């Protein structure tokens, strides 16, 4: 199962991609919450 084709693009592992996606989602949620409080 550990073929070269299973390697994640740009990063060493898929865990790095998952961490990046979760971090971006948390950042977006915080930004939308701040915009909502500021403009309401």
N, C-alpha and C. Protein backbone atom coordinates (compact mmCIF):
# COMPACT_ATOMS: atom_id res chain seq x y z
N UNK A 1 0.80 -1.20 0.00
CA UNK A 1 0.00 0.00 0.00
C UNK A 1 0.84 1.26 0.00
N UNK A 2 2.05 1.19 0.45
CA UNK A 2 2.89 2.38 0.51
C UNK A 2 3.66 2.56 -0.79
N UNK A 3 2.90 2.77 -1.84
CA UNK A 3 3.51 3.03 -3.13
C UNK A 3 3.89 4.50 -3.25
N UNK A 4 4.63 4.82 -4.27
CA UNK A 4 4.96 6.22 -4.54
C UNK A 4 3.71 6.99 -4.92
N UNK A 5 2.70 6.30 -5.47
CA UNK A 5 1.46 6.96 -5.89
C UNK A 5 0.61 7.40 -4.70
N UNK A 6 0.79 6.77 -3.54
CA UNK A 6 0.01 7.09 -2.36
C UNK A 6 0.55 8.30 -1.61
N UNK A 7 1.67 8.82 -2.04
CA UNK A 7 2.29 9.96 -1.36
C UNK A 7 1.48 11.24 -1.62
N UNK A 8 1.34 12.04 -0.58
CA UNK A 8 0.60 13.29 -0.71
C UNK A 8 1.40 14.30 -1.52
N UNK A 9 0.73 15.04 -2.40
CA UNK A 9 1.44 16.05 -3.18
C UNK A 9 1.87 17.23 -2.31
N UNK A 10 3.05 17.74 -2.54
CA UNK A 10 3.64 18.92 -1.89
C UNK A 10 4.08 18.70 -0.45
N UNK A 11 3.43 17.83 0.29
CA UNK A 11 3.80 17.58 1.67
C UNK A 11 4.23 16.13 1.83
N UNK A 12 4.85 15.82 2.97
CA UNK A 12 5.33 14.46 3.20
C UNK A 12 4.19 13.49 3.48
N UNK A 13 3.11 13.98 4.12
CA UNK A 13 2.04 13.06 4.50
C UNK A 13 0.69 13.74 4.33
N UNK A 14 -0.36 12.93 4.34
CA UNK A 14 -1.71 13.45 4.25
C UNK A 14 -2.11 14.15 5.53
N UNK A 15 -1.52 13.77 6.66
CA UNK A 15 -1.84 14.41 7.94
C UNK A 15 -1.55 15.91 7.88
N UNK A 16 -0.50 16.31 7.18
CA UNK A 16 -0.19 17.73 7.03
C UNK A 16 -1.28 18.45 6.26
N UNK A 17 -1.80 17.80 5.21
CA UNK A 17 -2.90 18.40 4.45
C UNK A 17 -4.14 18.56 5.30
N UNK A 18 -4.47 17.51 6.10
CA UNK A 18 -5.65 17.59 6.95
C UNK A 18 -5.51 18.69 7.98
N UNK A 19 -4.33 18.83 8.57
CA UNK A 19 -4.08 19.89 9.54
C UNK A 19 -4.23 21.26 8.90
N UNK A 20 -3.70 21.42 7.70
CA UNK A 20 -3.81 22.69 6.99
C UNK A 20 -5.26 23.03 6.68
N UNK A 21 -6.04 22.07 6.23
CA UNK A 21 -7.45 22.31 5.91
C UNK A 21 -8.23 22.69 7.16
N UNK A 22 -8.00 21.99 8.26
CA UNK A 22 -8.70 22.31 9.50
C UNK A 22 -8.31 23.70 9.99
N UNK A 23 -7.03 24.05 9.89
CA UNK A 23 -6.58 25.38 10.32
C UNK A 23 -7.22 26.48 9.48
N UNK A 24 -7.34 26.27 8.17
CA UNK A 24 -7.98 27.26 7.31
C UNK A 24 -9.46 27.39 7.65
N UNK A 25 -10.12 26.27 7.92
CA UNK A 25 -11.53 26.33 8.29
C UNK A 25 -11.74 27.09 9.60
N UNK A 26 -10.89 26.84 10.58
CA UNK A 26 -10.98 27.56 11.86
C UNK A 26 -10.73 29.04 11.64
N UNK A 27 -9.76 29.39 10.82
CA UNK A 27 -9.48 30.79 10.52
C UNK A 27 -10.68 31.46 9.85
N UNK A 28 -11.31 30.78 8.91
CA UNK A 28 -12.48 31.34 8.25
C UNK A 28 -13.64 31.54 9.22
N UNK A 29 -13.85 30.58 10.11
CA UNK A 29 -14.92 30.70 11.09
C UNK A 29 -14.68 31.90 11.99
N UNK A 30 -13.45 32.08 12.45
CA UNK A 30 -13.12 33.22 13.31
C UNK A 30 -13.30 34.52 12.54
N UNK A 31 -12.86 34.59 11.31
CA UNK A 31 -13.02 35.81 10.51
C UNK A 31 -14.48 36.15 10.28
N UNK A 32 -15.29 35.15 9.95
CA UNK A 32 -16.72 35.41 9.75
C UNK A 32 -17.40 35.86 11.03
N UNK A 33 -16.98 35.30 12.16
CA UNK A 33 -17.54 35.72 13.44
C UNK A 33 -17.18 37.18 13.73
N UNK A 34 -15.93 37.56 13.45
CA UNK A 34 -15.51 38.94 13.67
C UNK A 34 -16.26 39.90 12.75
N UNK A 35 -16.43 39.53 11.48
CA UNK A 35 -17.18 40.37 10.56
C UNK A 35 -18.62 40.52 11.00
N UNK A 36 -19.20 39.43 11.48
CA UNK A 36 -20.60 39.49 11.93
C UNK A 36 -20.74 40.43 13.13
N UNK A 37 -19.83 40.33 14.09
CA UNK A 37 -19.90 41.21 15.26
C UNK A 37 -19.65 42.67 14.88
N UNK A 38 -18.73 42.90 13.95
CA UNK A 38 -18.37 44.27 13.57
C UNK A 38 -19.49 44.95 12.79
N UNK A 39 -20.12 44.22 11.87
CA UNK A 39 -21.11 44.82 10.99
C UNK A 39 -22.55 44.68 11.46
N UNK A 40 -22.76 44.10 12.63
CA UNK A 40 -24.14 43.96 13.10
C UNK A 40 -24.48 45.04 14.13
